Amino acid sequence: MATEERRNSLREKGAENRVKGKLDEVGGKVRGAWGDAVDDESQELKGKAQELKGKLRQGMGKAQQKLSEAGESDDEPEGPTP
């Protein structure tokens, strides 16, 4: 039961990180575009950094979800045991 709870927790954290990562990515694109529009190089760079942070967080979320799925398949019997 504890293993299933850990998998569910990992799956939920993965989904949360994917959503938060996407929000960071979009926010970074907006911030970068704003910096470009007002000719503020600092804001452009901060936007690109925020966008990268979002992409990395999404990747981490995907990895967490994959790990939770891999744990599910480990619980299934592979075949008859001698």
C-alpha atoms as a PDB file:
ATOM      1  CA  MET A   1       0.000   0.000   0.000  1.00  0.00           C
ATOM      2  CA  ALA A   2       2.821   2.430   0.853  1.00  0.00           C
ATOM      3  CA  THR A   3       4.416   1.795  -2.534  1.00  0.00           C
ATOM      4  CA  GLU A   4       1.180   2.695  -4.301  1.00  0.00           C
ATOM      5  CA  GLU A   5       0.908   5.898  -2.262  1.00  0.00           C
ATOM      6  CA  ARG A   6       4.467   6.854  -3.228  1.00  0.00           C
ATOM      7  CA  ARG A   7       3.716   6.232  -6.907  1.00  0.00           C
ATOM      8  CA  ASN A   8       0.561   8.345  -6.683  1.00  0.00           C
ATOM      9  CA  SER A   9       2.488  11.099  -4.936  1.00  0.00           C
ATOM     10  CA  LEU A  10       5.217  10.977  -7.576  1.00  0.00           C
ATOM     11  CA  ARG A  11       2.614  11.055 -10.352  1.00  0.00           C
ATOM     12  CA  GLU A  12       0.879  14.057  -8.763  1.00  0.00           C
ATOM     13  CA  LYS A  13       4.159  15.918  -8.265  1.00  0.00           C
ATOM     14  CA  GLY A  14       5.025  15.191 -11.874  1.00  0.00           C
ATOM     15  CA  ALA A  15       1.733  16.626 -13.104  1.00  0.00           C
ATOM     16  CA  GLU A  16       2.177  19.668 -10.869  1.00  0.00           C
ATOM     17  CA  ASN A  17       5.701  20.275 -12.154  1.00  0.00           C
ATOM     18  CA  ARG A  18       4.551  19.968 -15.758  1.00  0.00           C
ATOM     19  CA  VAL A  19       1.814  22.581 -15.230  1.00  0.00           C
ATOM     20  CA  LYS A  20       4.021  24.963 -13.254  1.00  0.00           C
ATOM     21  CA  GLY A  21       6.774  24.498 -15.817  1.00  0.00           C
ATOM     22  CA  LYS A  22       4.436  25.377 -18.668  1.00  0.00           C
ATOM     23  CA  LEU A  23       3.328  28.504 -16.799  1.00  0.00           C
ATOM     24  CA  ASP A  24       6.967  29.516 -16.287  1.00  0.00           C
ATOM     25  CA  GLU A  25       7.713  28.885 -19.944  1.00  0.00           C
ATOM     26  CA  VAL A  26       4.791  31.001 -21.141  1.00  0.00           C
ATOM     27  CA  GLY A  27       5.539  33.717 -18.583  1.00  0.00           C
ATOM     28  CA  GLY A  28       9.137  33.796 -19.741  1.00  0.00           C
ATOM     29  CA  LYS A  29       8.082  34.177 -23.365  1.00  0.00           C
ATOM     30  CA  VAL A  30       5.813  37.084 -22.414  1.00  0.00           C
ATOM     31  CA  ARG A  31       8.520  38.707 -20.300  1.00  0.00           C
ATOM     32  CA  GLY A  32      11.069  38.300 -23.084  1.00  0.00           C
ATOM     33  CA  ALA A  33       8.685  39.755 -25.652  1.00  0.00           C
ATOM     34  CA  TRP A  34       7.980  42.673 -23.328  1.00  0.00           C
ATOM     35  CA  GLY A  35      11.692  43.296 -22.902  1.00  0.00           C
ATOM     36  CA  ASP A  36      12.127  43.218 -26.661  1.00  0.00           C
ATOM     37  CA  ALA A  37       9.224  45.619 -27.188  1.00  0.00           C
ATOM     38  CA  VAL A  38      10.549  48.200 -24.729  1.00  0.00           C
ATOM     39  CA  ASP A  39      14.184  47.554 -25.664  1.00  0.00           C
ATOM     40  CA  ASP A  40      15.122  46.282 -22.201  1.00  0.00           C
ATOM     41  CA  GLU A  41      17.833  43.660 -22.600  1.00  0.00           C
ATOM     42  CA  SER A  42      17.690  42.748 -18.911  1.00  0.00           C
ATOM     43  CA  GLN A  43      14.001  41.788 -19.188  1.00  0.00           C
ATOM     44  CA  GLU A  44      14.689  39.850 -22.377  1.00  0.00           C
ATOM     45  CA  LEU A  45      17.379  37.799 -20.623  1.00  0.00           C
ATOM     46  CA  LYS A  46      15.236  37.260 -17.532  1.00  0.00           C
ATOM     47  CA  GLY A  47      12.443  36.077 -19.813  1.00  0.00           C
ATOM     48  CA  LYS A  48      14.708  33.590 -21.548  1.00  0.00           C
ATOM     49  CA  ALA A  49      15.954  32.305 -18.185  1.00  0.00           C
ATOM     50  CA  GLN A  50      12.383  31.909 -16.924  1.00  0.00           C
ATOM     51  CA  GLU A  51      11.428  30.116 -20.144  1.00  0.00           C
ATOM     52  CA  LEU A  52      14.361  27.707 -19.738  1.00  0.00           C
ATOM     53  CA  LYS A  53      13.449  27.109 -16.099  1.00  0.00           C
ATOM     54  CA  GLY A  54       9.941  26.210 -17.227  1.00  0.00           C
ATOM     55  CA  LYS A  55      11.182  23.758 -19.840  1.00  0.00           C
ATOM     56  CA  LEU A  56      13.454  22.083 -17.292  1.00  0.00           C
ATOM     57  CA  ARG A  57      10.629  21.827 -14.780  1.00  0.00           C
ATOM     58  CA  GLN A  58       8.373  20.262 -17.401  1.00  0.00           C
ATOM     59  CA  GLY A  59      11.082  17.721 -18.155  1.00  0.00           C
ATOM     60  CA  MET A  60      11.407  16.922 -14.476  1.00  0.00           C
ATOM     61  CA  GLY A  61       7.634  16.434 -14.270  1.00  0.00           C
ATOM     62  CA  LYS A  62       7.660  14.097 -17.250  1.00  0.00           C
ATOM     63  CA  ALA A  63      10.466  12.085 -15.661  1.00  0.00           C
ATOM     64  CA  GLN A  64       8.556  11.841 -12.384  1.00  0.00           C
ATOM     65  CA  GLN A  65       5.490  10.574 -14.180  1.00  0.00           C
ATOM     66  CA  LYS A  66       7.542   8.032 -16.139  1.00  0.00           C
ATOM     67  CA  LEU A  67       9.080   6.776 -12.900  1.00  0.00           C
ATOM     68  CA  SER A  68       5.653   6.330 -11.338  1.00  0.00           C
ATOM     69  CA  GLU A  69       4.508   4.397 -14.424  1.00  0.00           C
ATOM     70  CA  ALA A  70       7.641   2.235 -14.359  1.00  0.00           C
ATOM     71  CA  GLY A  71       6.932   1.356 -10.743  1.00  0.00           C
ATOM     72  CA  GLU A  72       3.464   0.147 -11.706  1.00  0.00           C
ATOM     73  CA  SER A  73       4.825  -2.311 -14.243  1.00  0.00           C
ATOM     74  CA  ASP A  74       7.334  -3.632 -11.684  1.00  0.00           C
ATOM     75  CA  ASP A  75       4.450  -4.805  -9.484  1.00  0.00           C
ATOM     76  CA  GLU A  76       2.995  -7.043 -12.182  1.00  0.00           C
ATOM     77  CA  PRO A  77       4.154 -10.653 -12.203  1.00  0.00           C
ATOM     78  CA  GLU A  78       6.307 -11.535 -15.186  1.00  0.00           C
ATOM     79  CA  GLY A  79       5.230 -15.105 -15.395  1.00  0.00           C
ATOM     80  CA  PRO A  80       5.002 -18.303 -13.420  1.00  0.00           C
ATOM     81  CA  THR A  81       7.612 -18.821 -10.775  1.00  0.00           C
ATOM     82  CA  PRO A  82       9.226 -22.229 -10.510  1.00  0.00           C
END
